[in-house]
Amino acid sequence: MAKLTCSDYGYDCDFITEGEIEHVIKKFGQHMEEEHGIDYGKEALMQIILRKCGC
């Protein structure tokens, strides 16, 4: 299970997604691009998740 929130990355935004890693990457990536205009690649989001969980 993984969880990412916009507020963890300095955004004044209530968006939270959690679940399986692939789901979180897809949903967080879509949200960031659509709402904040930032296009994170799958690899970048995977690194964020890995750093957050300490894996």
N, C-alpha and C. Protein backbone atom coordinates (compact mmCIF):
# COMPACT_ATOMS: atom_id res chain seq x y z
N MET A 1 0.84 -1.19 0.00
CA MET A 1 0.00 0.00 0.00
C MET A 1 0.88 1.25 0.00
N ALA A 2 0.43 2.24 -0.76
CA ALA A 2 1.14 3.51 -0.84
C ALA A 2 0.13 4.63 -0.65
N LYS A 3 0.65 5.80 -0.26
CA LYS A 3 -0.21 6.96 -0.06
C LYS A 3 0.58 8.21 -0.41
N LEU A 4 -0.02 9.08 -1.23
CA LEU A 4 0.58 10.37 -1.55
C LEU A 4 -0.46 11.46 -1.37
N THR A 5 -0.01 12.59 -0.84
CA THR A 5 -0.89 13.74 -0.65
C THR A 5 -0.19 14.98 -1.19
N CYS A 6 -0.96 15.87 -1.79
CA CYS A 6 -0.39 17.11 -2.31
C CYS A 6 0.20 17.96 -1.20
N SER A 7 -0.46 18.00 -0.07
CA SER A 7 0.02 18.85 1.02
C SER A 7 1.40 18.43 1.51
N ASP A 8 1.78 17.17 1.34
CA ASP A 8 3.13 16.72 1.71
C ASP A 8 4.21 17.37 0.85
N TYR A 9 3.82 17.89 -0.32
CA TYR A 9 4.78 18.46 -1.26
C TYR A 9 4.60 19.96 -1.42
N GLY A 10 3.97 20.60 -0.41
CA GLY A 10 3.91 22.05 -0.37
C GLY A 10 2.73 22.68 -1.06
N TYR A 11 1.79 21.90 -1.52
CA TYR A 11 0.62 22.45 -2.19
C TYR A 11 -0.51 22.66 -1.20
N ASP A 12 -1.24 23.75 -1.37
CA ASP A 12 -2.43 24.01 -0.57
C ASP A 12 -3.59 23.28 -1.25
N CYS A 13 -3.60 21.96 -1.08
CA CYS A 13 -4.51 21.10 -1.82
C CYS A 13 -4.83 19.89 -0.94
N ASP A 14 -6.09 19.49 -0.93
CA ASP A 14 -6.53 18.39 -0.08
C ASP A 14 -6.44 17.01 -0.74
N PHE A 15 -5.89 16.94 -1.96
CA PHE A 15 -5.88 15.67 -2.70
C PHE A 15 -5.05 14.61 -1.99
N ILE A 16 -5.63 13.43 -1.85
CA ILE A 16 -4.95 12.26 -1.27
C ILE A 16 -5.31 11.05 -2.13
N THR A 17 -4.33 10.23 -2.41
CA THR A 17 -4.61 8.96 -3.07
C THR A 17 -3.83 7.87 -2.34
N GLU A 18 -4.47 6.74 -2.19
CA GLU A 18 -3.80 5.61 -1.54
C GLU A 18 -4.30 4.31 -2.13
N GLY A 19 -3.48 3.28 -2.00
CA GLY A 19 -3.82 1.97 -2.53
C GLY A 19 -2.58 1.30 -3.07
N GLU A 20 -2.80 0.45 -4.05
CA GLU A 20 -1.68 -0.24 -4.70
C GLU A 20 -0.80 0.79 -5.40
N ILE A 21 0.49 0.52 -5.48
CA ILE A 21 1.46 1.48 -6.02
C ILE A 21 1.07 1.96 -7.42
N GLU A 22 0.71 1.06 -8.31
CA GLU A 22 0.36 1.45 -9.68
C GLU A 22 -0.84 2.41 -9.69
N HIS A 23 -1.82 2.15 -8.84
CA HIS A 23 -3.00 3.02 -8.74
C HIS A 23 -2.60 4.40 -8.24
N VAL A 24 -1.78 4.46 -7.21
CA VAL A 24 -1.35 5.73 -6.63
C VAL A 24 -0.54 6.53 -7.65
N ILE A 25 0.35 5.89 -8.36
CA ILE A 25 1.15 6.57 -9.38
C ILE A 25 0.25 7.16 -10.45
N LYS A 26 -0.70 6.40 -10.92
CA LYS A 26 -1.61 6.86 -11.98
C LYS A 26 -2.46 8.04 -11.50
N LYS A 27 -3.10 7.89 -10.36
CA LYS A 27 -4.00 8.93 -9.86
C LYS A 27 -3.25 10.21 -9.46
N PHE A 28 -2.12 10.07 -8.76
CA PHE A 28 -1.36 11.24 -8.34
C PHE A 28 -0.78 11.95 -9.57
N GLY A 29 -0.28 11.20 -10.52
CA GLY A 29 0.26 11.79 -11.75
C GLY A 29 -0.79 12.56 -12.51
N GLN A 30 -1.99 11.97 -12.66
CA GLN A 30 -3.08 12.65 -13.35
C GLN A 30 -3.47 13.93 -12.61
N HIS A 31 -3.59 13.84 -11.31
CA HIS A 31 -3.97 15.00 -10.51
C HIS A 31 -2.94 16.12 -10.65
N MET A 32 -1.68 15.79 -10.52
CA MET A 32 -0.63 16.81 -10.58
C MET A 32 -0.64 17.52 -11.95
N GLU A 33 -0.83 16.76 -13.00
CA GLU A 33 -0.84 17.36 -14.33
C GLU A 33 -2.08 18.22 -14.55
N GLU A 34 -3.24 17.69 -14.19
CA GLU A 34 -4.49 18.40 -14.44
C GLU A 34 -4.69 19.61 -13.52
N GLU A 35 -4.34 19.49 -12.26
CA GLU A 35 -4.62 20.55 -11.29
C GLU A 35 -3.47 21.52 -11.06
N HIS A 36 -2.23 21.04 -11.20
CA HIS A 36 -1.08 21.88 -10.87
C HIS A 36 -0.16 22.12 -12.07
N GLY A 37 -0.45 21.50 -13.21
CA GLY A 37 0.34 21.72 -14.41
C GLY A 37 1.73 21.13 -14.38
N ILE A 38 1.93 20.12 -13.55
CA ILE A 38 3.24 19.47 -13.42
C ILE A 38 3.13 18.04 -13.92
N ASP A 39 4.00 17.68 -14.85
CA ASP A 39 3.98 16.34 -15.42
C ASP A 39 5.10 15.51 -14.81
N TYR A 40 4.75 14.72 -13.79
CA TYR A 40 5.71 13.80 -13.19
C TYR A 40 5.66 12.49 -13.97
N GLY A 41 6.79 11.97 -14.34
CA GLY A 41 6.83 10.67 -15.00
C GLY A 41 6.63 9.56 -13.99
N LYS A 42 6.33 8.38 -14.49
CA LYS A 42 6.10 7.22 -13.63
C LYS A 42 7.31 6.94 -12.74
N GLU A 43 8.50 7.07 -13.31
CA GLU A 43 9.72 6.78 -12.55
C GLU A 43 9.92 7.78 -11.41
N ALA A 44 9.62 9.05 -11.67
CA ALA A 44 9.75 10.07 -10.64
C ALA A 44 8.78 9.81 -9.49
N LEU A 45 7.55 9.45 -9.82
CA LEU A 45 6.57 9.15 -8.78
C LEU A 45 6.95 7.90 -8.00
N MET A 46 7.53 6.92 -8.67
CA MET A 46 7.99 5.71 -7.97
C MET A 46 9.09 6.07 -6.98
N GLN A 47 10.00 6.97 -7.35
CA GLN A 47 11.06 7.41 -6.44
C GLN A 47 10.49 8.14 -5.24
N ILE A 48 9.45 8.96 -5.45
CA ILE A 48 8.80 9.66 -4.34
C ILE A 48 8.22 8.64 -3.36
N ILE A 49 7.54 7.64 -3.89
CA ILE A 49 6.93 6.61 -3.03
C ILE A 49 8.02 5.84 -2.28
N LEU A 50 9.08 5.46 -2.96
CA LEU A 50 10.15 4.69 -2.32
C LEU A 50 10.85 5.51 -1.23
N ARG A 51 11.07 6.80 -1.47
CA ARG A 51 11.68 7.65 -0.44
C ARG A 51 10.76 7.82 0.75
N LYS A 52 9.48 7.95 0.48
CA LYS A 52 8.51 8.17 1.56
C LYS A 52 8.41 6.95 2.47
N CYS A 53 8.45 5.76 1.88
CA CYS A 53 8.29 4.55 2.70
C CYS A 53 9.63 4.08 3.29
N GLY A 54 10.73 4.68 2.83
CA GLY A 54 12.04 4.27 3.35
C GLY A 54 12.49 2.94 2.82
N CYS A 55 12.00 2.55 1.65
CA CYS A 55 12.33 1.25 1.05
C CYS A 55 13.70 1.26 0.42
